[in-house]
Amino acid sequence: MADKLGQLGHHNKLPAESQNHLLSSPIASEHVSPALSPLFDKRGSISTQRTSISDITRRTNSLCLTEASTPLKLAMKRVTRPKGSYRLTDFIIHRTLGTGSFGRVHLVQSKHNLRFYAIKVLSKERVVKMKQVEHTNNERHMLSAVQHPFIINLWGTFQDASNLYMVMDFIHGGELFTLLRRSNRFPDPVAKFYAAEVALALHYLHGLDIIYRDLKPENILLNHDGHIKVTDFGFAKECSNTTWTLCGTPDYLAPEIINQQRYNKSVDWYALGILIFEMLSGFPPFHQADGNHAVLYEKILAGPTYIRWPSAFNALATDLIMKLLESDPSKRYGNLRNGSRDVFHHEWFKEVNWEMLLNRQITAPYIPNISGEGDASAFDFYPEDNVAAAYGLPAPDPYGKDFPEFEYAGKSL
């Protein structure tokens, strides 16, 4: 069957009832498990400035991405969204979607347009004490400057005496992490679909001199149509040359980050290689089951030649992963003379129609089962603990000056 990614072989033909899908659904594969895999739980990120969620840097002058370096003609422009003013009273808080070190994310509904959004609420005191002021301000700055089909939208920010608030899209389908754990591993075409969309998002960010340093399934959400949205820009950073901050998720750290060497955007392409491996096998290539980071880092520094490759891996996928996991950044795919074109033109992606994929004209392999606009069933349940009752209350505000771009919408004492 000729599909929108190109010619699939006979063995990849879809059953009659699923021919409206581009790829066979991972939920319908032979690897399905009714429960989450016991391999490991959601992974936290690390930073030499304590823990946060994401990170970014500018490209070096010698490693510039241009529109001509890929098969896509993309406008690499920062966006200027109309600046809206938001207050907590504009929303009805329904439930918690996730929790973290600094606060939590809530599903909310606008009282004005009745649309559902996700609001990230961060405790200013915790952000300051854990030395994440720069990362938090960078997250707001980065998300305000980007607009892409596969990156989450930030609609506005505000603060009160105690908290910061970020109003973002509500993405119905939950995390790719959850889908992967339930599926154990993805068939090759399914992993390719998600990897291709991630590659497009990385290419766009790099074109704006942004490096995303915390790529992992937990930071990839599935929209109602099954396409991805990259989220969590807490480590987002612009850099005119290179940077050296140790941050990210241990399983996904490039060797140069572990060695505390200066690095550039090539660490994102390295992480894409880790992601492809994890989607195809169910676990990262250097995964340490006992959580011993010292041993994990030793494996990463030893390089891809020490990876135990599953026999079922597609040979082309293995080749691309090896080129992305190259320990020497100067030899790594995505960081060579041709930039991202080497990744897009690799044989594993041969059948991908990049323009159609960018325009979301290709049916996703898995469509979340959504019952309505406010359906949050794809997310775990968390104790509410009546935390929302404390939002917006008058209180001393010693930290408001540290977040100047967050509009003030509350009273202090």
Protein backbone atom coordinates (compact mmCIF):
# COMPACT_ATOMS: atom_id res chain seq x y z
CA MET A 1 0.00 0.00 0.00
CA ALA A 2 1.34 3.43 -0.86
CA ASP A 3 0.98 5.58 2.21
CA LYS A 4 1.75 9.22 2.82
CA LEU A 5 5.24 8.51 4.07
CA GLY A 6 6.02 6.69 0.86
CA GLN A 7 6.03 3.05 -0.22
CA LEU A 8 5.67 0.61 2.64
CA GLY A 9 6.63 -2.97 2.04
CA HIS A 10 3.99 -5.73 1.93
CA HIS A 11 4.76 -6.74 5.53
CA ASN A 12 3.77 -3.27 6.71
CA LYS A 13 0.31 -3.21 5.13
CA LEU A 14 -2.46 -2.29 7.48
CA PRO A 15 -5.57 -4.36 8.19
CA ALA A 16 -8.66 -3.21 6.34
CA GLU A 17 -10.23 -1.65 9.41
CA SER A 18 -7.11 0.49 10.01
CA GLN A 19 -6.26 1.71 6.52
CA ASN A 20 -7.16 5.26 7.44
CA HIS A 21 -4.06 5.22 9.66
CA LEU A 22 -0.60 5.82 8.32
CA LEU A 23 1.10 3.29 10.56
CA SER A 24 -0.05 0.36 12.64
CA SER A 25 -0.97 1.48 16.13
CA PRO A 26 1.44 0.54 18.91
CA ILE A 27 -1.59 -0.19 21.08
CA ALA A 28 -2.56 -2.90 18.61
CA SER A 29 0.89 -4.45 18.42
CA GLU A 30 1.98 -7.75 19.85
CA HIS A 31 3.98 -5.95 22.51
CA VAL A 32 1.00 -4.52 24.36
CA SER A 33 0.91 -4.78 28.13
CA PRO A 34 -2.19 -3.84 30.12
CA ALA A 35 -0.07 -2.24 32.82
CA LEU A 36 2.89 0.08 32.83
CA SER A 37 6.23 -1.59 32.33
CA PRO A 38 8.12 -2.16 35.59
CA LEU A 39 11.39 -1.05 33.96
CA PHE A 40 11.40 2.40 35.51
CA ASP A 41 9.19 5.28 36.51
CA LYS A 42 9.21 8.80 35.14
CA ARG A 43 12.69 10.26 35.20
CA GLY A 44 13.62 13.56 36.77
CA SER A 45 16.05 16.00 35.21
CA ILE A 46 19.25 17.22 36.80
CA SER A 47 21.21 20.44 36.69
CA THR A 48 24.37 21.83 38.24
CA GLN A 49 21.98 24.55 39.39
CA ARG A 50 19.67 21.98 40.99
CA THR A 51 16.74 20.31 39.23
CA SER A 52 14.41 21.66 36.55
CA ILE A 53 12.85 20.40 33.35
CA SER A 54 14.56 21.57 30.08
CA ASP A 55 17.48 23.52 28.57
CA ILE A 56 18.68 25.29 25.36
CA THR A 57 21.71 27.04 23.73
CA ARG A 58 22.59 28.91 20.53
CA ARG A 59 24.54 27.36 17.69
CA THR A 60 28.13 28.25 17.00
CA ASN A 61 28.85 30.41 13.96
CA SER A 62 30.59 27.50 12.25
CA LEU A 63 27.61 25.18 12.69
CA CYS A 64 24.71 27.29 11.46
CA LEU A 65 21.46 25.75 10.35
CA THR A 66 19.91 27.34 7.30
CA GLU A 67 16.76 26.69 5.32
CA ALA A 68 18.93 25.36 2.51
CA SER A 69 20.47 22.71 4.80
CA THR A 70 17.31 20.59 4.91
CA PRO A 71 14.65 19.45 2.44
CA LEU A 72 12.21 21.84 4.12
CA LYS A 73 11.56 25.47 3.38
CA LEU A 74 10.74 26.69 6.85
CA ALA A 75 10.49 30.25 8.04
CA MET A 76 12.77 30.43 11.07
CA LYS A 77 11.16 33.47 12.64
CA ARG A 78 10.38 34.36 16.18
CA VAL A 79 6.74 35.00 16.82
CA THR A 80 5.16 38.05 18.35
CA ARG A 81 1.89 37.03 19.94
CA PRO A 82 -0.64 39.62 21.06
CA LYS A 83 0.06 40.27 24.71
CA GLY A 84 -2.97 39.36 26.78
CA SER A 85 -3.53 39.96 30.46
CA TYR A 86 -4.58 37.01 32.58
CA ARG A 87 -5.68 36.59 36.15
CA LEU A 88 -6.43 33.52 38.20
CA THR A 89 -10.06 34.61 38.37
CA ASP A 90 -10.30 34.18 34.59
CA PHE A 91 -10.19 30.40 35.02
CA ILE A 92 -12.01 27.55 36.69
CA ILE A 93 -9.51 25.03 38.10
CA HIS A 94 -10.69 21.46 37.47
CA ARG A 95 -7.92 19.06 38.50
CA THR A 96 -4.18 18.46 38.76
CA LEU A 97 -2.42 17.06 35.69
CA GLY A 98 1.04 16.73 37.20
CA THR A 99 3.26 17.71 40.11
CA GLY A 100 6.91 18.65 40.48
CA SER A 101 9.53 20.18 42.72
CA PHE A 102 8.21 23.71 42.32
CA GLY A 103 4.46 23.27 42.06
CA ARG A 104 1.95 21.59 39.79
CA VAL A 105 0.08 21.77 36.51
CA HIS A 106 -3.70 22.18 36.54
CA LEU A 107 -6.39 21.61 33.96
CA VAL A 108 -8.39 24.84 33.84
CA GLN A 109 -11.24 26.28 31.80
CA SER A 110 -11.50 29.88 30.71
CA LYS A 111 -14.60 31.67 31.96
CA HIS A 112 -14.52 33.81 28.82
CA ASN A 113 -14.07 31.51 25.81
CA LEU A 114 -14.79 28.23 27.68
CA ARG A 115 -11.63 26.66 26.25
CA PHE A 116 -9.52 24.31 28.34
CA TYR A 117 -5.91 25.15 29.13
CA ALA A 118 -3.08 23.83 31.27
CA ILE A 119 -1.70 26.24 33.85
CA LYS A 120 1.71 25.57 35.33
CA VAL A 121 1.90 27.00 38.85
CA LEU A 122 5.38 27.51 40.32
CA SER A 123 6.19 28.55 43.86
CA LYS A 124 8.44 31.60 43.63
CA GLU A 125 10.08 30.74 46.94
CA ARG A 126 10.97 27.23 45.78
CA VAL A 127 12.21 28.44 42.40
CA VAL A 128 14.52 30.96 44.09
CA LYS A 129 15.78 28.57 46.77
CA MET A 130 16.56 25.88 44.18
CA LYS A 131 18.40 28.41 42.00
CA GLN A 132 16.05 28.08 39.06
CA VAL A 133 15.22 31.76 38.49
CA GLU A 134 17.19 31.96 35.24
CA HIS A 135 15.75 28.70 33.92
CA THR A 136 12.21 29.79 34.74
CA ASN A 137 12.60 33.18 33.07
CA ASN A 138 14.25 31.46 30.10
CA GLU A 139 11.33 29.06 29.77
CA ARG A 140 8.92 31.95 29.52
CA HIS A 141 11.17 33.78 27.05
CA MET A 142 11.70 30.74 24.82
CA LEU A 143 8.06 29.68 24.67
CA SER A 144 7.00 33.26 23.95
CA ALA A 145 9.35 33.32 20.95
CA VAL A 146 8.39 30.05 19.22
CA GLN A 147 5.40 28.76 17.30
CA HIS A 148 5.52 25.36 15.65
CA PRO A 149 3.02 22.54 15.03
CA PHE A 150 5.00 20.19 17.30
CA ILE A 151 5.84 22.58 20.15
CA ILE A 152 3.48 23.58 22.95
CA ASN A 153 1.97 27.08 22.84
CA LEU A 154 2.35 29.52 25.71
CA TRP A 155 -0.59 31.93 25.79
CA GLY A 156 0.39 34.13 28.68
CA THR A 157 2.01 34.42 32.09
CA PHE A 158 1.31 36.23 35.32
CA GLN A 159 2.24 36.17 38.99
CA ASP A 160 0.79 36.88 42.39
CA ALA A 161 2.53 37.30 45.72
CA SER A 162 3.51 33.62 46.03
CA ASN A 163 3.35 31.95 42.62
CA LEU A 164 4.13 32.18 38.93
CA TYR A 165 1.51 31.10 36.40
CA MET A 166 2.06 29.94 32.81
CA VAL A 167 -1.04 29.47 30.62
CA MET A 168 -0.42 26.82 27.95
CA ASP A 169 -2.28 24.49 25.62
CA PHE A 170 -4.05 21.57 27.23
CA ILE A 171 -2.77 18.51 25.35
CA HIS A 172 -5.36 15.76 25.72
CA GLY A 173 -3.38 12.62 24.93
CA GLY A 174 -0.92 12.65 27.81
CA GLU A 175 2.76 11.76 27.62
CA LEU A 176 4.48 9.64 25.00
CA PHE A 177 6.18 8.05 28.02
CA THR A 178 2.87 6.54 29.17
CA LEU A 179 2.04 5.19 25.72
CA LEU A 180 5.50 3.66 25.38
CA ARG A 181 5.35 1.97 28.77
CA ARG A 182 1.94 0.49 27.98
CA SER A 183 3.19 -0.73 24.60
CA ASN A 184 6.55 -1.99 25.94
CA ARG A 185 8.11 -0.88 22.65
CA PHE A 186 6.99 0.63 19.35
CA PRO A 187 7.10 -1.06 15.94
CA ASP A 188 9.68 0.49 13.61
CA PRO A 189 7.19 2.63 11.59
CA VAL A 190 5.63 4.03 14.77
CA ALA A 191 8.99 4.99 16.29
CA LYS A 192 9.91 6.56 12.96
CA PHE A 193 6.75 8.70 12.96
CA TYR A 194 7.43 10.18 16.39
CA ALA A 195 11.17 10.55 15.74
CA ALA A 196 10.47 12.45 12.52
CA GLU A 197 8.17 14.91 14.28
CA VAL A 198 10.73 15.44 17.04
CA ALA A 199 13.42 16.04 14.39
CA LEU A 200 11.26 18.74 12.81
CA ALA A 201 10.80 20.44 16.18
CA LEU A 202 14.55 20.32 16.90
CA HIS A 203 15.36 21.70 13.46
CA TYR A 204 13.02 24.62 14.06
CA LEU A 205 14.47 25.37 17.50
CA HIS A 206 18.04 25.15 16.25
CA GLY A 207 17.16 27.53 13.44
CA LEU A 208 16.30 30.05 16.15
CA ASP A 209 19.56 29.36 17.99
CA ILE A 210 17.77 27.33 20.65
CA ILE A 211 19.00 24.03 22.02
CA TYR A 212 16.52 21.79 23.83
CA ARG A 213 18.55 19.88 26.40
CA ASP A 214 15.97 17.61 28.00
CA LEU A 215 14.49 15.47 25.27
CA LYS A 216 12.76 12.33 26.62
CA PRO A 217 9.35 10.63 26.27
CA GLU A 218 8.12 12.37 29.45
CA ASN A 219 8.52 15.75 27.72
CA ILE A 220 6.64 14.76 24.56
CA LEU A 221 2.86 15.07 24.72
CA LEU A 222 0.30 13.61 22.31
CA ASN A 223 -2.30 15.98 20.94
CA HIS A 224 -5.93 15.00 20.33
CA ASP A 225 -4.99 14.09 16.73
CA GLY A 226 -2.04 11.93 17.83
CA HIS A 227 0.68 14.35 16.72
CA ILE A 228 3.30 15.42 19.23
CA LYS A 229 3.85 18.57 21.25
CA VAL A 230 7.28 19.06 22.81
CA THR A 231 6.88 20.67 26.23
CA ASP A 232 8.95 21.68 29.27
CA PHE A 233 11.33 24.47 28.35
CA GLY A 234 12.61 25.11 31.85
CA PHE A 235 16.24 24.68 30.75
CA ALA A 236 15.75 26.72 27.57
CA LYS A 237 18.67 29.01 26.85
CA GLU A 238 20.08 31.07 24.03
CA CYS A 239 23.83 31.04 23.57
CA SER A 240 25.94 32.81 20.95
CA ASN A 241 28.61 30.13 21.02
CA THR A 242 28.64 27.17 23.41
CA THR A 243 27.61 26.40 26.97
CA TRP A 244 28.73 24.00 29.70
CA THR A 245 25.91 23.63 32.24
CA LEU A 246 25.37 20.04 33.33
CA CYS A 247 21.63 19.59 32.93
CA GLY A 248 19.14 17.18 31.41
CA THR A 249 18.03 13.63 32.16
CA PRO A 250 20.86 11.18 33.03
CA ASP A 251 19.91 8.51 30.44
CA TYR A 252 19.93 11.20 27.72
CA LEU A 253 23.10 13.13 28.56
CA ALA A 254 25.71 13.39 25.80
CA PRO A 255 29.31 12.46 26.73
CA GLU A 256 30.50 16.06 26.49
CA ILE A 257 27.91 17.14 29.06
CA ILE A 258 29.02 14.41 31.47
CA ASN A 259 32.65 15.44 30.95
CA GLN A 260 31.63 19.03 31.74
CA GLN A 261 33.03 20.20 28.43
CA ARG A 262 31.62 23.05 26.40
CA TYR A 263 28.92 21.86 24.02
CA ASN A 264 26.47 23.11 21.40
CA LYS A 265 23.18 22.07 19.84
CA SER A 266 24.55 18.66 18.81
CA VAL A 267 23.54 17.35 22.25
CA ASP A 268 19.93 17.44 21.01
CA TRP A 269 20.71 15.16 18.07
CA TYR A 270 22.50 12.81 20.46
CA ALA A 271 19.34 12.75 22.59
CA LEU A 272 17.26 11.97 19.49
CA GLY A 273 19.39 8.85 19.02
CA ILE A 274 18.66 7.82 22.62
CA LEU A 275 14.95 8.47 22.08
CA ILE A 276 14.81 6.34 18.91
CA PHE A 277 16.56 3.49 20.70
CA GLU A 278 14.19 3.74 23.67
CA MET A 279 11.10 3.77 21.46
CA LEU A 280 12.28 0.70 19.53
CA SER A 281 13.49 -1.32 22.52
CA GLY A 282 11.49 -0.02 25.48
CA PHE A 283 14.50 1.26 27.42
CA PRO A 284 17.44 3.64 26.80
CA PRO A 285 20.64 2.11 25.41
CA PHE A 286 22.74 2.72 28.53
CA HIS A 287 19.97 2.25 31.08
CA GLN A 288 21.12 1.30 34.57
CA ALA A 289 18.31 -0.60 36.29
CA ASP A 290 19.65 0.06 39.79
CA GLY A 291 19.71 3.81 39.21
CA ASN A 292 23.49 4.04 39.72
CA HIS A 293 24.36 7.20 37.80
CA ALA A 294 28.10 6.66 38.13
CA VAL A 295 27.88 3.36 36.25
CA LEU A 296 25.42 4.89 33.76
CA TYR A 297 27.85 7.70 32.96
CA GLU A 298 30.69 5.21 32.52
CA LYS A 299 28.60 3.38 29.92
CA ILE A 300 27.73 6.59 28.11
CA LEU A 301 31.38 7.62 27.99
CA ALA A 302 32.33 4.17 26.66
CA GLY A 303 30.22 4.93 23.59
CA PRO A 304 27.70 3.13 21.37
CA THR A 305 30.01 0.22 20.56
CA TYR A 306 29.14 -1.14 24.02
CA ILE A 307 25.37 -1.10 23.43
CA ARG A 308 23.58 -4.44 23.39
CA TRP A 309 21.46 -4.21 20.27
CA PRO A 310 18.13 -6.09 20.15
CA SER A 311 18.12 -8.53 17.26
CA ALA A 312 14.79 -7.18 15.99
CA PHE A 313 16.21 -3.70 15.27
CA ASN A 314 15.94 -2.45 11.71
CA ALA A 315 19.46 -2.17 10.29
CA LEU A 316 18.82 1.36 9.02
CA ALA A 317 17.54 2.45 12.43
CA THR A 318 20.69 1.03 14.01
CA ASP A 319 22.84 2.94 11.54
CA LEU A 320 21.12 6.25 12.27
CA ILE A 321 21.29 5.71 16.03
CA MET A 322 25.02 4.99 15.79
CA LYS A 323 25.56 8.21 13.82
CA LEU A 324 23.53 10.23 16.34
CA LEU A 325 25.27 8.66 19.34
CA GLU A 326 28.73 9.42 18.00
CA SER A 327 30.83 10.33 21.04
CA ASP A 328 32.85 12.90 19.12
CA PRO A 329 30.49 15.86 18.48
CA SER A 330 32.51 16.89 15.42
CA LYS A 331 31.53 13.57 13.77
CA ARG A 332 27.92 13.43 14.99
CA TYR A 333 24.98 13.56 12.59
CA GLY A 334 23.19 16.87 12.80
CA ASN A 335 26.47 18.59 13.64
CA LEU A 336 28.34 18.05 10.38
CA ARG A 337 28.74 20.36 7.41
CA ASN A 338 25.26 19.54 6.10
CA GLY A 339 23.60 20.16 9.47
CA SER A 340 20.19 18.61 9.96
CA ARG A 341 20.05 17.55 6.31
CA ASP A 342 22.12 14.47 7.18
CA VAL A 343 19.39 13.41 9.60
CA PHE A 344 16.45 14.17 7.31
CA HIS A 345 18.09 12.44 4.34
CA HIS A 346 19.12 9.29 6.20
CA GLU A 347 17.79 6.08 4.65
CA TRP A 348 15.71 5.25 7.74
CA PHE A 349 13.64 8.33 6.98
CA LYS A 350 13.59 7.67 3.23
CA GLU A 351 9.80 7.31 2.92
CA VAL A 352 8.97 10.36 5.05
CA ASN A 353 7.21 13.19 3.26
CA TRP A 354 8.50 15.98 5.46
CA GLU A 355 6.24 18.72 4.13
CA MET A 356 3.10 16.64 4.65
CA LEU A 357 4.25 15.61 8.10
CA LEU A 358 4.96 19.22 9.07
CA ASN A 359 1.45 20.15 7.95
CA ARG A 360 -0.03 17.25 9.95
CA GLN A 361 -1.47 15.78 6.77
CA ILE A 362 -0.37 12.29 7.80
CA THR A 363 -2.54 10.28 10.17
CA ALA A 364 -0.82 9.51 13.45
CA PRO A 365 -0.30 5.84 14.40
CA TYR A 366 -2.23 6.26 17.64
CA ILE A 367 -5.22 8.53 18.18
CA PRO A 368 -6.01 9.20 21.85
CA ASN A 369 -9.51 8.16 22.93
CA ILE A 370 -10.91 11.55 23.89
CA SER A 371 -14.49 11.89 25.12
CA GLY A 372 -14.57 15.68 25.12
CA GLU A 373 -12.60 18.92 25.24
CA GLY A 374 -11.89 18.63 28.96
CA ASP A 375 -11.12 14.91 29.02
CA ALA A 376 -7.95 14.44 31.09
CA SER A 377 -8.22 10.66 31.48
CA ALA A 378 -4.79 10.20 29.85
CA PHE A 379 -3.15 11.81 32.89
CA ASP A 380 -2.52 10.28 36.29
CA PHE A 381 -4.62 11.34 39.26
CA TYR A 382 -2.98 13.33 42.03
CA PRO A 383 -4.28 14.32 45.48
CA GLU A 384 -5.58 17.86 45.19
CA ASP A 385 -4.87 18.73 48.84
CA ASN A 386 -6.86 21.92 48.35
CA VAL A 387 -3.71 23.65 47.10
CA ALA A 388 -5.62 25.88 44.69
CA ALA A 389 -7.35 27.57 47.63
CA ALA A 390 -4.06 29.25 48.54
CA TYR A 391 -3.48 30.71 45.08
CA GLY A 392 -3.87 34.46 44.80
CA LEU A 393 -3.99 35.17 48.53
CA PRO A 394 -2.29 38.35 49.80
CA ALA A 395 1.17 37.55 51.19
CA PRO A 396 4.67 39.01 51.52
CA ASP A 397 6.40 39.05 48.13
CA PRO A 398 10.19 39.24 48.42
CA TYR A 399 10.79 37.53 45.04
CA GLY A 400 8.51 39.32 42.57
CA LYS A 401 11.38 41.46 41.28
CA ASP A 402 13.19 38.31 40.12
CA PHE A 403 10.51 37.61 37.49
CA PRO A 404 9.99 40.95 35.71
CA GLU A 405 8.31 39.52 32.60
CA PHE A 406 5.54 37.84 34.57
CA GLU A 407 2.74 40.40 34.74
CA TYR A 408 1.56 41.13 38.26
CA ALA A 409 -1.99 40.00 38.99
CA GLY A 410 -2.23 39.75 42.75
CA LYS A 411 -1.88 41.59 46.01
CA SER A 412 1.10 41.51 48.33
CA LEU A 413 1.36 42.50 51.97
